[in-house]
Amino acid sequence: MLAGTWTLSACVGTAPSEVDPVASSAVAAGVVPGSPTAAVTPAPEPPAAMAVGDGAGAVAAADHLFALWTHARTTGSVAALTGTYADTCGICRDVTDRVVELAAIGVTEADGDLDLLDPTPTEIVPGSWFAVTGVLVEGPARLVDAEGVTTGTVDSGRYGVLMTLTWYEGVWRVESLDLEPPTP
């Protein structure tokens, strides 16, 4: 589940009991111990719409962040997330930390795509601050070790999204992200 302190699904199965600081720093740099996956799987490229500081660019930046999260979760590499979010985005930090923790013990996720449905941008401060709302759908995933053996599962989920983003000197950055169960 995306809500709570661990944002991308409550995991069932293997949980890290100890994290090796040397392995954690290697994972943060994009090197996954025991797995060549991150080295051979390129991160998704930013869509062309992200080159503009408008509502369409904000939606494209939101979609791109979720694509980068999926990439990080499935490769164990957080390198592509660098600079995409501010320290004020607690959920963003939690996702990155969880990827690093799992990768440090040789675990990544398989499947678990994230899809942003019905995104609606709002320009808060012309040309610089935007909000994007919508519904984030997270598919079910498996936790797998370096040999591809399933060690646990991750539940699917559906969440209301409120993301704030800034556009500064041609770069999008996520400032905050709130995920809530959608109201019926």
Protein backbone atom coordinates (compact mmCIF):
# COMPACT_ATOMS: atom_id res chain seq x y z
CA MET A 1 0.00 0.00 0.00
CA LEU A 2 1.21 3.48 -0.77
CA ALA A 3 -0.12 5.13 2.37
CA GLY A 4 1.74 5.30 5.66
CA THR A 5 5.42 5.35 6.41
CA TRP A 6 6.23 2.79 3.72
CA THR A 7 4.54 4.13 0.69
CA LEU A 8 4.77 1.56 -2.04
CA SER A 9 2.78 -1.32 -0.64
CA ALA A 10 2.99 -3.10 2.62
CA CYS A 11 5.31 -5.99 1.90
CA VAL A 12 4.64 -9.52 3.00
CA GLY A 13 7.64 -11.83 3.21
CA THR A 14 11.31 -11.05 3.57
CA ALA A 15 12.04 -7.87 5.49
CA PRO A 16 15.51 -6.49 6.00
CA SER A 17 16.77 -7.20 9.50
CA GLU A 18 20.12 -5.49 9.05
CA VAL A 19 21.31 -3.25 6.28
CA ASP A 20 24.98 -3.35 5.32
CA PRO A 21 26.13 0.31 5.08
CA VAL A 22 28.68 -0.51 2.37
CA ALA A 23 26.05 -2.29 0.28
CA SER A 24 23.54 0.51 0.95
CA SER A 25 25.92 3.17 -0.37
CA ALA A 26 26.60 1.04 -3.44
CA VAL A 27 22.86 0.62 -4.04
CA ALA A 28 22.26 4.35 -3.62
CA ALA A 29 24.89 4.91 -6.29
CA GLY A 30 22.97 2.57 -8.60
CA VAL A 31 24.93 -0.65 -8.05
CA VAL A 32 22.83 -3.61 -6.90
CA PRO A 33 24.84 -6.28 -5.05
CA GLY A 34 24.42 -9.70 -6.66
CA SER A 35 22.35 -8.49 -9.62
CA PRO A 36 23.35 -6.95 -12.96
CA THR A 37 19.77 -5.74 -13.64
CA ALA A 38 20.26 -2.05 -12.77
CA ALA A 39 23.37 -1.83 -14.93
CA VAL A 40 21.55 -3.11 -18.03
CA THR A 41 18.10 -1.56 -17.59
CA PRO A 42 18.12 2.12 -18.54
CA ALA A 43 15.84 4.50 -16.68
CA PRO A 44 12.82 5.85 -18.57
CA GLU A 45 13.57 9.01 -20.54
CA PRO A 46 11.65 12.16 -19.63
CA PRO A 47 8.75 12.77 -22.02
CA ALA A 48 8.96 15.78 -24.35
CA ALA A 49 6.09 17.48 -22.51
CA MET A 50 8.38 17.91 -19.48
CA ALA A 51 10.34 20.52 -21.44
CA VAL A 52 7.60 23.10 -20.81
CA GLY A 53 6.56 24.74 -17.52
CA ASP A 54 2.82 24.38 -17.91
CA GLY A 55 0.01 22.06 -16.79
CA ALA A 56 0.83 19.43 -19.40
CA GLY A 57 4.47 19.53 -18.29
CA ALA A 58 3.40 19.06 -14.65
CA VAL A 59 1.32 15.99 -15.55
CA ALA A 60 4.21 14.60 -17.60
CA ALA A 61 6.58 15.17 -14.66
CA ALA A 62 4.18 13.36 -12.30
CA ASP A 63 3.89 10.42 -14.72
CA HIS A 64 7.66 10.37 -15.12
CA LEU A 65 8.25 10.25 -11.35
CA PHE A 66 5.99 7.19 -11.09
CA ALA A 67 7.84 5.56 -14.02
CA LEU A 68 11.13 6.24 -12.22
CA TRP A 69 9.72 4.72 -9.02
CA THR A 70 8.77 1.57 -10.94
CA HIS A 71 12.26 1.48 -12.48
CA ALA A 72 13.90 1.88 -9.06
CA ARG A 73 11.70 -0.80 -7.48
CA THR A 74 12.38 -3.31 -10.26
CA THR A 75 16.12 -2.67 -10.63
CA GLY A 76 17.14 -1.75 -7.08
CA SER A 77 18.78 1.43 -8.38
CA VAL A 78 17.74 4.86 -7.12
CA ALA A 79 20.30 6.74 -9.25
CA ALA A 80 17.66 8.06 -11.70
CA LEU A 81 15.64 9.56 -8.83
CA THR A 82 18.42 12.00 -7.91
CA GLY A 83 17.13 15.57 -8.08
CA THR A 84 13.54 14.63 -8.97
CA TYR A 85 12.10 15.51 -5.58
CA ALA A 86 12.70 17.90 -2.68
CA ASP A 87 13.55 16.83 0.86
CA THR A 88 10.03 18.00 1.74
CA CYS A 89 8.55 15.02 -0.16
CA GLY A 90 8.41 12.43 2.61
CA ILE A 91 6.80 9.74 0.47
CA CYS A 92 9.50 10.21 -2.17
CA ARG A 93 12.21 9.73 0.48
CA ASP A 94 10.41 6.68 1.86
CA VAL A 95 10.26 5.04 -1.57
CA THR A 96 13.97 5.67 -2.15
CA ASP A 97 14.89 4.39 1.32
CA ARG A 98 12.82 1.22 0.85
CA VAL A 99 14.42 0.47 -2.53
CA VAL A 100 17.88 0.88 -0.97
CA GLU A 101 16.99 -1.33 2.02
CA LEU A 102 15.63 -4.14 -0.15
CA ALA A 103 18.44 -3.96 -2.72
CA ALA A 104 21.03 -4.10 0.07
CA ILE A 105 19.76 -7.60 0.88
CA GLY A 106 19.52 -8.54 -2.81
CA VAL A 107 15.76 -8.07 -3.21
CA THR A 108 13.88 -6.11 -5.89
CA GLU A 109 10.28 -6.09 -7.09
CA ALA A 110 8.82 -7.71 -10.18
CA ASP A 111 5.72 -6.20 -11.77
CA GLY A 112 3.88 -3.59 -9.67
CA ASP A 113 3.43 -0.93 -12.35
CA LEU A 114 2.14 2.48 -11.28
CA ASP A 115 -0.47 4.23 -13.45
CA LEU A 116 -1.75 7.78 -12.88
CA LEU A 117 -5.38 7.97 -13.99
CA ASP A 118 -7.36 11.13 -14.73
CA PRO A 119 -4.53 13.56 -13.89
CA THR A 120 -5.66 17.16 -13.51
CA PRO A 121 -3.10 19.98 -13.33
CA THR A 122 -3.66 23.26 -11.54
CA GLU A 123 -1.31 26.21 -11.96
CA ILE A 124 -0.83 27.69 -8.48
CA VAL A 125 1.83 30.32 -9.23
CA PRO A 126 2.03 31.10 -12.96
CA GLY A 127 4.94 29.36 -14.58
CA SER A 128 6.49 27.97 -11.40
CA TRP A 129 4.17 26.10 -8.96
CA PHE A 130 1.70 23.43 -10.00
CA ALA A 131 -0.49 20.79 -8.42
CA VAL A 132 -1.53 17.53 -10.03
CA THR A 133 -4.43 15.45 -8.73
CA GLY A 134 -5.62 12.08 -9.94
CA VAL A 135 -5.81 8.43 -8.99
CA LEU A 136 -2.70 6.27 -8.71
CA VAL A 137 -3.20 2.57 -9.40
CA GLU A 138 -0.47 0.23 -8.17
CA GLY A 139 -0.43 -3.27 -9.60
CA PRO A 140 0.43 -6.31 -7.48
CA ALA A 141 4.12 -7.17 -7.31
CA ARG A 142 6.45 -9.88 -6.11
CA LEU A 143 9.60 -9.44 -4.06
CA VAL A 144 12.37 -11.42 -5.75
CA ASP A 145 15.94 -12.23 -4.79
CA ALA A 146 18.99 -12.08 -7.08
CA GLU A 147 18.17 -15.55 -8.45
CA GLY A 148 14.60 -14.52 -9.30
CA VAL A 149 13.03 -16.52 -6.46
CA THR A 150 9.88 -14.95 -5.04
CA THR A 151 10.40 -14.08 -1.37
CA GLY A 152 7.19 -12.14 -0.77
CA THR A 153 4.35 -10.21 -2.32
CA VAL A 154 3.20 -6.62 -2.51
CA ASP A 155 -0.51 -5.85 -2.56
CA SER A 156 -2.11 -3.75 -5.25
CA GLY A 157 -3.71 -0.46 -4.35
CA ARG A 158 -5.62 2.56 -5.56
CA TYR A 159 -4.93 6.00 -4.12
CA GLY A 160 -6.04 9.59 -4.52
CA VAL A 161 -3.02 11.75 -5.45
CA LEU A 162 -2.18 15.35 -4.65
CA MET A 163 1.30 16.24 -5.90
CA THR A 164 2.86 19.69 -5.88
CA LEU A 165 5.68 20.45 -8.29
CA THR A 166 7.94 23.36 -9.09
CA TRP A 167 9.29 24.41 -12.46
CA TYR A 168 12.59 26.26 -12.11
CA GLU A 169 15.23 26.92 -14.76
CA GLY A 170 13.80 24.24 -17.02
CA VAL A 171 13.63 21.48 -14.39
CA TRP A 172 10.62 19.89 -12.68
CA ARG A 173 10.86 18.88 -9.02
CA VAL A 174 8.26 17.23 -6.80
CA GLU A 175 7.83 19.27 -3.61
CA SER A 176 5.19 17.15 -1.90
CA LEU A 177 3.01 14.13 -2.50
CA ASP A 178 -0.05 13.02 -0.58
CA LEU A 179 -1.68 9.66 -1.20
CA GLU A 180 -5.10 8.89 0.21
CA PRO A 181 -7.63 6.12 -0.31
CA PRO A 182 -10.10 7.47 -2.89
CA THR A 183 -13.53 8.38 -1.61
CA PRO A 184 -16.39 6.30 -3.02
